[in-house]
Structure formats: C-alpha cells, structure tokens
C-alpha cells in the first residue's frame, strides 16, 4: 500500500511565499528553487549542508536568502536559534542581508544590525489572513533584495518592485 503525505501547512506557506517571489521578480524555478538542498554548504568539506526556505541564485551568484518561520515570535523579537540559522545562511552565501518571515503571528517587525560584520537580518511578521499579505511580503523581501550588492545579477529590474 502506497502512502502519500499531504503537504503540511508550513510547507504550503513556504510554497506560497516562493510563488509570490517568482511572480513579482520574474524568476525562473532554477533561480528560486523549491529546495536549495545540495547547493549551499557552510564548510569547504561539504559536511554542513544548509537548506534555507528561500534562496535566489542567478548566474551563479546568491542574491537573496530568507527563511519562513511558522512558530511563535517572542515578545522581544526573533528567536535566538532563528537568528543563528540566518547568520549561517548569510555566512555561506556571502550576502550582507537576509530576511526571517514569521507568518500568522502579529508582532512588531524589526531589523537586527550586526556591527561586527555589517550584516542585517530583517524580521517580518505577516498575517496571511490579511488581504494585503502579498503586498506586505514584497515590501520586506523587496527591500532585502534591492539592497543586496548582488541584486544587479537578477534578470528583472528591481524598480518594478514597490517599496509601498
């Protein structure tokens, strides 16, 4: 007997976010894959694989990295383990900016600036029941991507993305 597993709500949300990004930025499935498995490693020996939920790679260059969180955002901001995870993604990609997206949780948005190396982690909270969820999402990730030094390698001009 073959058992099929229905996608979890968190996987469906990740796919919705990827779909929004593909559409808004005109990206192909090879530029923002459903899984970044086998593409990103923290170490040269390829022993520590990293698999971010959202990763844009164009012409061999990383342009954006983000992660979707489907758990409670603490009252004082992003969870420490999530920040560590994003820092590993930024280190491996060489990017200076990344985004953590917490969904279905109302919390204040924040920006963590890491003065030791000049990196920034944006923390966004998006209510998926809102009619403007897609627009709010693009405000956050659009800012992250447009400020990336490698954004020029994308096939779609960033001027087409509204900063709302």
N, C-alpha and C. Protein backbone atom coordinates (compact mmCIF):
# COMPACT_ATOMS: atom_id res chain seq x y z
N UNK A 1 0.83 -1.17 0.00
CA UNK A 1 0.00 0.00 0.00
C UNK A 1 0.89 1.25 0.00
N UNK A 2 0.61 2.15 -0.91
CA UNK A 2 1.37 3.38 -1.02
C UNK A 2 0.73 4.46 -0.16
N UNK A 3 1.56 5.11 0.63
CA UNK A 3 1.06 6.18 1.48
C UNK A 3 1.56 7.50 0.92
N UNK A 4 0.64 8.42 0.76
CA UNK A 4 1.03 9.76 0.32
C UNK A 4 0.81 10.71 1.48
N UNK A 5 1.72 11.63 1.60
CA UNK A 5 1.63 12.59 2.69
C UNK A 5 1.16 13.93 2.14
N UNK A 6 0.12 14.45 2.75
CA UNK A 6 -0.36 15.78 2.37
C UNK A 6 0.67 16.80 2.83
N UNK A 7 0.86 17.85 2.04
CA UNK A 7 1.83 18.86 2.47
C UNK A 7 1.38 19.52 3.77
N UNK A 8 2.32 19.76 4.64
CA UNK A 8 1.99 20.42 5.89
C UNK A 8 1.68 21.89 5.61
N UNK A 9 1.00 22.52 6.55
CA UNK A 9 0.66 23.93 6.38
C UNK A 9 1.93 24.77 6.22
N UNK A 10 2.96 24.43 6.98
CA UNK A 10 4.20 25.21 6.86
C UNK A 10 4.80 25.09 5.47
N UNK A 11 4.78 23.89 4.87
CA UNK A 11 5.29 23.71 3.50
C UNK A 11 4.43 24.46 2.49
N UNK A 12 3.14 24.48 2.72
CA UNK A 12 2.25 25.22 1.81
C UNK A 12 2.53 26.71 1.89
N UNK A 13 2.81 27.21 3.09
CA UNK A 13 3.12 28.63 3.25
C UNK A 13 4.45 28.95 2.57
N UNK A 14 5.46 28.10 2.75
CA UNK A 14 6.75 28.31 2.06
C UNK A 14 6.55 28.36 0.56
N UNK A 15 5.74 27.47 0.03
CA UNK A 15 5.49 27.44 -1.41
C UNK A 15 4.76 28.70 -1.87
N UNK A 16 3.82 29.18 -1.07
CA UNK A 16 3.10 30.42 -1.39
C UNK A 16 4.08 31.59 -1.46
N UNK A 17 4.99 31.67 -0.49
CA UNK A 17 5.99 32.75 -0.48
C UNK A 17 6.86 32.66 -1.73
N UNK A 18 7.36 31.46 -2.04
CA UNK A 18 8.19 31.29 -3.24
C UNK A 18 7.43 31.69 -4.50
N UNK A 19 6.17 31.31 -4.58
CA UNK A 19 5.35 31.65 -5.74
C UNK A 19 5.19 33.17 -5.87
N UNK A 20 4.99 33.85 -4.76
CA UNK A 20 4.87 35.31 -4.78
C UNK A 20 6.17 35.94 -5.29
N UNK A 21 7.30 35.42 -4.83
CA UNK A 21 8.59 35.97 -5.25
C UNK A 21 8.85 35.70 -6.72
N UNK A 22 8.57 34.49 -7.17
CA UNK A 22 8.77 34.17 -8.59
C UNK A 22 7.96 35.11 -9.47
N UNK A 23 6.72 35.33 -9.11
CA UNK A 23 5.85 36.19 -9.91
C UNK A 23 6.32 37.64 -9.88
N UNK A 24 6.56 38.16 -8.70
CA UNK A 24 6.93 39.58 -8.56
C UNK A 24 8.27 39.90 -9.20
N UNK A 25 9.22 38.99 -9.09
CA UNK A 25 10.56 39.26 -9.59
C UNK A 25 10.83 38.64 -10.95
N UNK A 26 9.86 37.92 -11.50
CA UNK A 26 10.06 37.30 -12.80
C UNK A 26 11.14 36.24 -12.78
N UNK A 27 11.24 35.49 -11.69
CA UNK A 27 12.29 34.49 -11.54
C UNK A 27 11.84 33.14 -12.06
N UNK A 28 12.78 32.39 -12.56
CA UNK A 28 12.51 31.03 -13.02
C UNK A 28 12.64 30.07 -11.84
N UNK A 29 12.10 28.86 -11.98
CA UNK A 29 12.26 27.86 -10.93
C UNK A 29 13.72 27.49 -10.66
N UNK A 30 14.62 27.75 -11.59
CA UNK A 30 16.04 27.47 -11.31
C UNK A 30 16.68 28.60 -10.51
N UNK A 31 16.11 29.80 -10.56
CA UNK A 31 16.65 30.91 -9.80
C UNK A 31 16.16 30.91 -8.35
N UNK A 32 14.94 30.43 -8.13
CA UNK A 32 14.43 30.25 -6.77
C UNK A 32 13.76 28.88 -6.73
N UNK A 33 14.50 27.92 -6.27
CA UNK A 33 14.06 26.52 -6.28
C UNK A 33 13.15 26.21 -5.10
N UNK A 34 12.39 25.12 -5.26
CA UNK A 34 11.55 24.66 -4.16
C UNK A 34 12.40 24.14 -3.01
N UNK A 35 13.60 23.71 -3.29
CA UNK A 35 14.53 23.28 -2.25
C UNK A 35 15.94 23.68 -2.68
N UNK A 36 16.67 24.20 -1.74
CA UNK A 36 18.06 24.58 -2.03
C UNK A 36 19.02 23.48 -1.61
N UNK A 37 18.50 22.30 -1.36
CA UNK A 37 19.34 21.17 -0.95
C UNK A 37 20.42 20.89 -1.98
N UNK A 38 21.62 20.62 -1.50
CA UNK A 38 22.74 20.30 -2.38
C UNK A 38 23.39 21.51 -3.03
N UNK A 39 22.99 22.72 -2.62
CA UNK A 39 23.54 23.93 -3.24
C UNK A 39 24.32 24.81 -2.28
N UNK A 40 24.05 24.68 -0.98
CA UNK A 40 24.64 25.61 -0.02
C UNK A 40 25.29 24.84 1.13
N UNK A 41 26.56 25.14 1.34
CA UNK A 41 27.32 24.46 2.38
C UNK A 41 28.03 25.49 3.23
N UNK A 42 28.11 25.24 4.51
CA UNK A 42 28.78 26.16 5.42
C UNK A 42 30.29 25.99 5.38
N UNK A 43 30.74 24.79 5.04
CA UNK A 43 32.17 24.49 5.08
C UNK A 43 32.68 23.99 3.74
N UNK A 44 33.97 24.08 3.53
CA UNK A 44 34.59 23.63 2.28
C UNK A 44 34.50 22.12 2.08
N UNK A 45 34.50 21.36 3.17
CA UNK A 45 34.45 19.90 3.07
C UNK A 45 33.03 19.39 2.77
N UNK A 46 32.08 20.29 2.71
CA UNK A 46 30.67 19.95 2.43
C UNK A 46 30.11 18.95 3.43
N UNK A 47 30.39 19.19 4.68
CA UNK A 47 29.84 18.34 5.74
C UNK A 47 28.63 19.00 6.39
N UNK A 48 28.55 20.34 6.32
CA UNK A 48 27.46 21.07 6.96
C UNK A 48 26.61 21.71 5.86
N UNK A 49 25.56 20.98 5.48
CA UNK A 49 24.66 21.48 4.43
C UNK A 49 23.63 22.41 5.05
N UNK A 50 23.35 23.49 4.34
CA UNK A 50 22.32 24.45 4.76
C UNK A 50 21.21 24.46 3.71
N UNK A 51 19.97 24.47 4.18
CA UNK A 51 18.83 24.44 3.26
C UNK A 51 17.83 25.53 3.66
N UNK A 52 18.07 26.76 3.20
CA UNK A 52 17.11 27.83 3.50
C UNK A 52 15.80 27.63 2.74
N UNK A 53 14.72 28.13 3.32
CA UNK A 53 13.41 28.02 2.65
C UNK A 53 13.37 28.86 1.38
N UNK A 54 14.05 30.00 1.40
CA UNK A 54 14.04 30.94 0.29
C UNK A 54 15.47 31.29 -0.09
N UNK A 55 15.83 31.03 -1.31
CA UNK A 55 17.17 31.37 -1.76
C UNK A 55 17.12 31.68 -3.25
N UNK A 56 17.62 32.84 -3.61
CA UNK A 56 17.66 33.25 -5.01
C UNK A 56 19.10 33.22 -5.47
N UNK A 57 19.31 32.47 -6.53
CA UNK A 57 20.64 32.36 -7.13
C UNK A 57 20.48 32.61 -8.63
N UNK A 58 21.25 33.55 -9.13
CA UNK A 58 21.17 33.91 -10.54
C UNK A 58 22.58 34.04 -11.08
N UNK A 59 22.82 33.41 -12.21
CA UNK A 59 24.12 33.45 -12.87
C UNK A 59 25.25 33.05 -11.91
N UNK A 60 24.97 32.05 -11.07
CA UNK A 60 25.97 31.53 -10.15
C UNK A 60 26.20 32.35 -8.90
N UNK A 61 25.46 33.43 -8.71
CA UNK A 61 25.64 34.30 -7.56
C UNK A 61 24.40 34.26 -6.67
N UNK A 62 24.60 34.21 -5.36
CA UNK A 62 23.49 34.30 -4.42
C UNK A 62 23.02 35.75 -4.38
N UNK A 63 21.71 35.96 -4.47
CA UNK A 63 21.14 37.30 -4.50
C UNK A 63 20.23 37.59 -3.31
N UNK A 64 19.67 36.54 -2.71
CA UNK A 64 18.74 36.71 -1.61
C UNK A 64 18.67 35.42 -0.82
N UNK A 65 18.53 35.55 0.49
CA UNK A 65 18.29 34.38 1.34
C UNK A 65 17.27 34.77 2.41
N UNK A 66 16.34 33.87 2.65
CA UNK A 66 15.32 34.11 3.66
C UNK A 66 14.82 32.78 4.21
N UNK A 67 14.11 32.86 5.31
CA UNK A 67 13.57 31.66 5.92
C UNK A 67 12.18 31.98 6.45
N UNK A 68 11.26 31.06 6.24
CA UNK A 68 9.88 31.21 6.69
C UNK A 68 9.73 30.47 8.01
N UNK A 69 9.21 31.16 9.00
CA UNK A 69 9.02 30.59 10.33
C UNK A 69 7.53 30.50 10.62
N UNK A 70 7.14 29.33 11.00
CA UNK A 70 5.73 29.09 11.32
C UNK A 70 5.66 28.71 12.80
N UNK A 71 6.14 29.61 13.63
CA UNK A 71 6.14 29.42 15.08
C UNK A 71 6.05 30.77 15.74
N UNK A 72 5.80 30.75 17.02
CA UNK A 72 5.58 32.00 17.75
C UNK A 72 6.82 32.88 17.77
N UNK A 73 6.60 34.13 17.47
CA UNK A 73 7.65 35.14 17.58
C UNK A 73 7.63 35.64 19.01
N UNK A 74 8.77 35.65 19.66
CA UNK A 74 8.83 36.09 21.05
C UNK A 74 8.47 37.56 21.16
N UNK A 75 8.00 37.97 22.33
CA UNK A 75 7.61 39.36 22.53
C UNK A 75 8.79 40.31 22.38
N UNK A 76 10.01 39.82 22.61
CA UNK A 76 11.18 40.68 22.46
C UNK A 76 11.87 40.50 21.11
N UNK A 77 11.19 39.83 20.18
CA UNK A 77 11.72 39.75 18.82
C UNK A 77 12.03 38.34 18.37
N UNK A 78 12.88 38.25 17.37
CA UNK A 78 13.22 36.97 16.74
C UNK A 78 13.86 36.02 17.75
N UNK A 79 13.60 34.75 17.54
CA UNK A 79 14.16 33.72 18.40
C UNK A 79 15.66 33.58 18.12
N UNK A 80 16.41 33.33 19.17
CA UNK A 80 17.86 33.26 19.05
C UNK A 80 18.31 32.18 18.06
N UNK A 81 17.67 31.01 18.08
CA UNK A 81 18.08 29.95 17.16
C UNK A 81 17.79 30.32 15.71
N UNK A 82 16.73 31.11 15.47
CA UNK A 82 16.43 31.56 14.12
C UNK A 82 17.48 32.56 13.62
N UNK A 83 17.92 33.44 14.52
CA UNK A 83 18.95 34.41 14.17
C UNK A 83 20.26 33.68 13.85
N UNK A 84 20.62 32.69 14.65
CA UNK A 84 21.83 31.91 14.37
C UNK A 84 21.73 31.21 13.02
N UNK A 85 20.57 30.67 12.75
CA UNK A 85 20.36 29.97 11.47
C UNK A 85 20.55 30.95 10.30
N UNK A 86 19.96 32.14 10.40
CA UNK A 86 20.10 33.12 9.33
C UNK A 86 21.55 33.58 9.21
N UNK A 87 22.24 33.73 10.31
CA UNK A 87 23.64 34.12 10.25
C UNK A 87 24.47 33.07 9.50
N UNK A 88 24.15 31.80 9.71
CA UNK A 88 24.84 30.74 8.96
C UNK A 88 24.53 30.87 7.47
N UNK A 89 23.29 31.15 7.10
CA UNK A 89 22.93 31.33 5.68
C UNK A 89 23.69 32.50 5.08
N UNK A 90 23.76 33.61 5.82
CA UNK A 90 24.46 34.80 5.32
C UNK A 90 25.96 34.51 5.16
N UNK A 91 26.52 33.79 6.10
CA UNK A 91 27.93 33.45 6.02
C UNK A 91 28.21 32.59 4.79
N UNK A 92 27.38 31.58 4.58
CA UNK A 92 27.60 30.65 3.47
C UNK A 92 27.36 31.29 2.10
N UNK A 93 26.40 32.21 2.02
CA UNK A 93 26.10 32.85 0.73
C UNK A 93 26.98 34.06 0.47
N UNK A 94 27.56 34.62 1.52
CA UNK A 94 28.34 35.84 1.36
C UNK A 94 27.48 37.09 1.29
N UNK A 95 26.19 36.95 1.54
CA UNK A 95 25.29 38.10 1.49
C UNK A 95 25.36 38.90 2.77
N UNK A 96 24.98 40.16 2.70
CA UNK A 96 25.01 41.01 3.88
C UNK A 96 23.63 41.23 4.47
N UNK A 97 22.59 40.70 3.82
CA UNK A 97 21.23 40.96 4.26
C UNK A 97 20.38 39.71 4.06
N UNK A 98 19.60 39.36 5.07
CA UNK A 98 18.69 38.23 4.98
C UNK A 98 17.38 38.54 5.68
N UNK A 99 16.36 37.73 5.43
CA UNK A 99 15.05 38.00 5.99
C UNK A 99 14.46 36.76 6.65
N UNK A 100 13.97 36.94 7.87
CA UNK A 100 13.18 35.94 8.57
C UNK A 100 11.73 36.36 8.48
N UNK A 101 10.88 35.47 8.00
CA UNK A 101 9.46 35.79 7.84
C UNK A 101 8.66 34.90 8.77
N UNK A 102 8.04 35.50 9.77
CA UNK A 102 7.14 34.79 10.68
C UNK A 102 5.72 35.00 10.17
N UNK A 103 4.99 33.91 9.99
CA UNK A 103 3.64 34.02 9.42
C UNK A 103 2.56 33.74 10.45
N UNK A 104 1.42 34.38 10.20
CA UNK A 104 0.22 34.23 11.03
C UNK A 104 0.44 34.63 12.48
N UNK A 105 1.40 35.48 12.70
CA UNK A 105 1.70 35.93 14.05
C UNK A 105 1.82 37.45 14.00
N UNK A 106 1.02 38.12 14.81
CA UNK A 106 1.10 39.58 14.85
C UNK A 106 2.20 39.97 15.83
N UNK A 107 3.20 40.61 15.33
CA UNK A 107 4.31 41.06 16.16
C UNK A 107 4.98 42.23 15.45
N UNK A 108 5.65 43.07 16.21
CA UNK A 108 6.36 44.18 15.57
C UNK A 108 7.52 43.67 14.71
N UNK A 109 7.71 44.31 13.58
CA UNK A 109 8.83 43.97 12.71
C UNK A 109 10.09 44.61 13.28
N UNK A 110 11.22 44.03 12.94
CA UNK A 110 12.47 44.59 13.43
C UNK A 110 13.59 44.36 12.43
N UNK A 111 14.67 45.07 12.65
CA UNK A 111 15.85 44.89 11.84
C UNK A 111 17.03 44.75 12.81
N UNK A 112 17.72 43.62 12.70
CA UNK A 112 18.87 43.38 13.55
C UNK A 112 20.13 43.73 12.77
N UNK A 113 20.86 44.70 13.25
CA UNK A 113 22.12 45.07 12.60
C UNK A 113 23.24 44.45 13.40
N UNK A 114 24.12 43.74 12.72
CA UNK A 114 25.25 43.07 13.36
C UNK A 114 26.50 43.88 13.08
N UNK A 115 26.90 44.74 14.00
CA UNK A 115 28.01 45.67 13.72
C UNK A 115 29.35 44.99 13.50
N UNK A 116 29.53 43.77 13.98
CA UNK A 116 30.82 43.09 13.83
C UNK A 116 31.18 42.88 12.36
N UNK A 117 30.19 42.62 11.53
CA UNK A 117 30.48 42.38 10.12
C UNK A 117 29.56 43.14 9.17
N UNK A 118 28.73 44.03 9.70
CA UNK A 118 27.88 44.87 8.86
C UNK A 118 26.67 44.16 8.26
N UNK A 119 26.33 43.01 8.76
CA UNK A 119 25.17 42.27 8.23
C UNK A 119 23.88 42.73 8.89
N UNK A 120 22.79 42.53 8.16
CA UNK A 120 21.46 42.90 8.64
C UNK A 120 20.51 41.73 8.48
N UNK A 121 19.73 41.48 9.52
CA UNK A 121 18.68 40.46 9.45
C UNK A 121 17.36 41.18 9.67
N UNK A 122 16.51 41.12 8.66
CA UNK A 122 15.18 41.71 8.76
C UNK A 122 14.24 40.65 9.32
N UNK A 123 13.38 41.07 10.23
CA UNK A 123 12.39 40.17 10.82
C UNK A 123 11.03 40.74 10.49
N UNK A 124 10.26 39.98 9.72
CA UNK A 124 8.95 40.42 9.27
C UNK A 124 7.87 39.51 9.82
N UNK A 125 6.76 40.09 10.17
CA UNK A 125 5.60 39.35 10.64
C UNK A 125 4.46 39.60 9.65
N UNK A 126 3.93 38.52 9.09
CA UNK A 126 2.89 38.66 8.07
C UNK A 126 1.67 37.84 8.45
N UNK A 127 0.51 38.50 8.46
CA UNK A 127 -0.75 37.84 8.72
C UNK A 127 -1.31 37.36 7.38
N UNK A 128 -1.33 36.07 7.17
CA UNK A 128 -1.78 35.52 5.89
C UNK A 128 -3.26 35.70 5.64
N UNK A 129 -4.04 36.00 6.68
CA UNK A 129 -5.47 36.23 6.51
C UNK A 129 -5.76 37.63 5.98
N UNK A 130 -4.75 38.47 5.97
CA UNK A 130 -4.91 39.84 5.50
C UNK A 130 -5.00 39.88 3.98
N UNK A 131 -5.84 40.77 3.46
CA UNK A 131 -5.97 40.94 2.01
C UNK A 131 -4.68 41.49 1.40
N UNK A 132 -3.85 42.12 2.22
CA UNK A 132 -2.62 42.72 1.71
C UNK A 132 -1.38 41.89 2.05
N UNK A 133 -1.55 40.61 2.39
CA UNK A 133 -0.41 39.77 2.79
C UNK A 133 0.68 39.74 1.71
N UNK A 134 0.28 39.59 0.46
CA UNK A 134 1.25 39.53 -0.63
C UNK A 134 2.01 40.84 -0.76
N UNK A 135 1.30 41.94 -0.66
CA UNK A 135 1.93 43.25 -0.77
C UNK A 135 2.90 43.49 0.39
N UNK A 136 2.50 43.11 1.59
CA UNK A 136 3.37 43.27 2.75
C UNK A 136 4.62 42.42 2.61
N UNK A 137 4.45 41.18 2.15
CA UNK A 137 5.60 40.30 1.92
C UNK A 137 6.60 40.96 0.98
N UNK A 138 6.12 41.49 -0.14
CA UNK A 138 7.02 42.08 -1.13
C UNK A 138 7.69 43.35 -0.63
N UNK A 139 7.06 44.03 0.31
CA UNK A 139 7.72 45.20 0.91
C UNK A 139 8.99 44.76 1.63
N UNK A 140 8.91 43.68 2.37
CA UNK A 140 10.07 43.21 3.13
C UNK A 140 11.13 42.60 2.25
N UNK A 141 10.77 41.64 1.45
CA UNK A 141 11.78 40.97 0.65
C UNK A 141 12.27 41.84 -0.48
N UNK A 142 11.44 42.72 -0.97
CA UNK A 142 11.88 43.66 -2.00
C UNK A 142 12.98 44.55 -1.48
N UNK A 143 12.83 45.01 -0.24
CA UNK A 143 13.87 45.83 0.37
C UNK A 143 15.15 45.03 0.54
N UNK A 144 15.04 43.81 1.00
CA UNK A 144 16.23 42.98 1.20
C UNK A 144 16.96 42.76 -0.10
N UNK A 145 16.23 42.42 -1.14
CA UNK A 145 16.86 42.12 -2.41
C UNK A 145 17.44 43.37 -3.05
N UNK A 146 16.72 44.48 -2.99
CA UNK A 146 17.20 45.70 -3.64
C UNK A 146 18.45 46.26 -2.97
N UNK A 147 18.66 45.94 -1.70
CA UNK A 147 19.84 46.43 -1.00
C UNK A 147 21.01 45.46 -1.09
N UNK A 148 20.78 44.31 -1.70
CA UNK A 148 21.86 43.33 -1.83
C UNK A 148 22.85 43.81 -2.88
N UNK A 149 24.14 43.72 -2.60
CA UNK A 149 25.13 44.17 -3.59
C UNK A 149 25.12 43.31 -4.85
N UNK A 150 24.51 42.14 -4.77
CA UNK A 150 24.48 41.26 -5.93
C UNK A 150 23.16 41.31 -6.68
N UNK A 151 22.28 42.23 -6.31
CA UNK A 151 20.97 42.28 -6.93
C UNK A 151 21.03 42.61 -8.42
N UNK A 152 22.12 43.19 -8.86
CA UNK A 152 22.25 43.54 -10.28
C UNK A 152 22.30 42.30 -11.18
N UNK A 153 22.54 41.13 -10.62
CA UNK A 153 22.61 39.92 -11.44
C UNK A 153 21.24 39.34 -11.75
N UNK A 154 20.19 39.90 -11.15
CA UNK A 154 18.85 39.38 -11.41
C UNK A 154 18.39 39.76 -12.81
N UNK A 155 17.52 38.93 -13.37
CA UNK A 155 17.04 39.16 -14.72
C UNK A 155 15.93 40.20 -14.78
N UNK A 156 15.31 40.56 -13.66
CA UNK A 156 14.22 41.52 -13.63
C UNK A 156 14.65 42.76 -12.86
N UNK A 157 14.37 43.97 -13.42
CA UNK A 157 14.76 45.18 -12.71
C UNK A 157 14.03 45.30 -11.37
N UNK A 158 14.75 45.71 -10.36
CA UNK A 158 14.13 45.86 -9.05
C UNK A 158 13.23 47.06 -8.97
N UNK A 159 13.34 47.98 -9.90
CA UNK A 159 12.49 49.16 -9.89
C UNK A 159 11.02 48.79 -10.07
N UNK A 160 10.76 47.56 -10.55
CA UNK A 160 9.38 47.12 -10.72
C UNK A 160 8.77 46.66 -9.41
N UNK A 161 9.56 46.60 -8.34
CA UNK A 161 9.06 46.18 -7.04
C UNK A 161 8.77 47.43 -6.21
N UNK A 162 7.56 47.53 -5.72
CA UNK A 162 7.15 48.68 -4.92
C UNK A 162 7.65 48.53 -3.50
N UNK A 163 8.14 49.63 -2.96
CA UNK A 163 8.51 49.65 -1.55
C UNK A 163 7.34 50.10 -0.69
N UNK A 164 6.17 50.26 -1.31
CA UNK A 164 4.92 50.54 -0.61
C UNK A 164 5.02 51.69 0.28
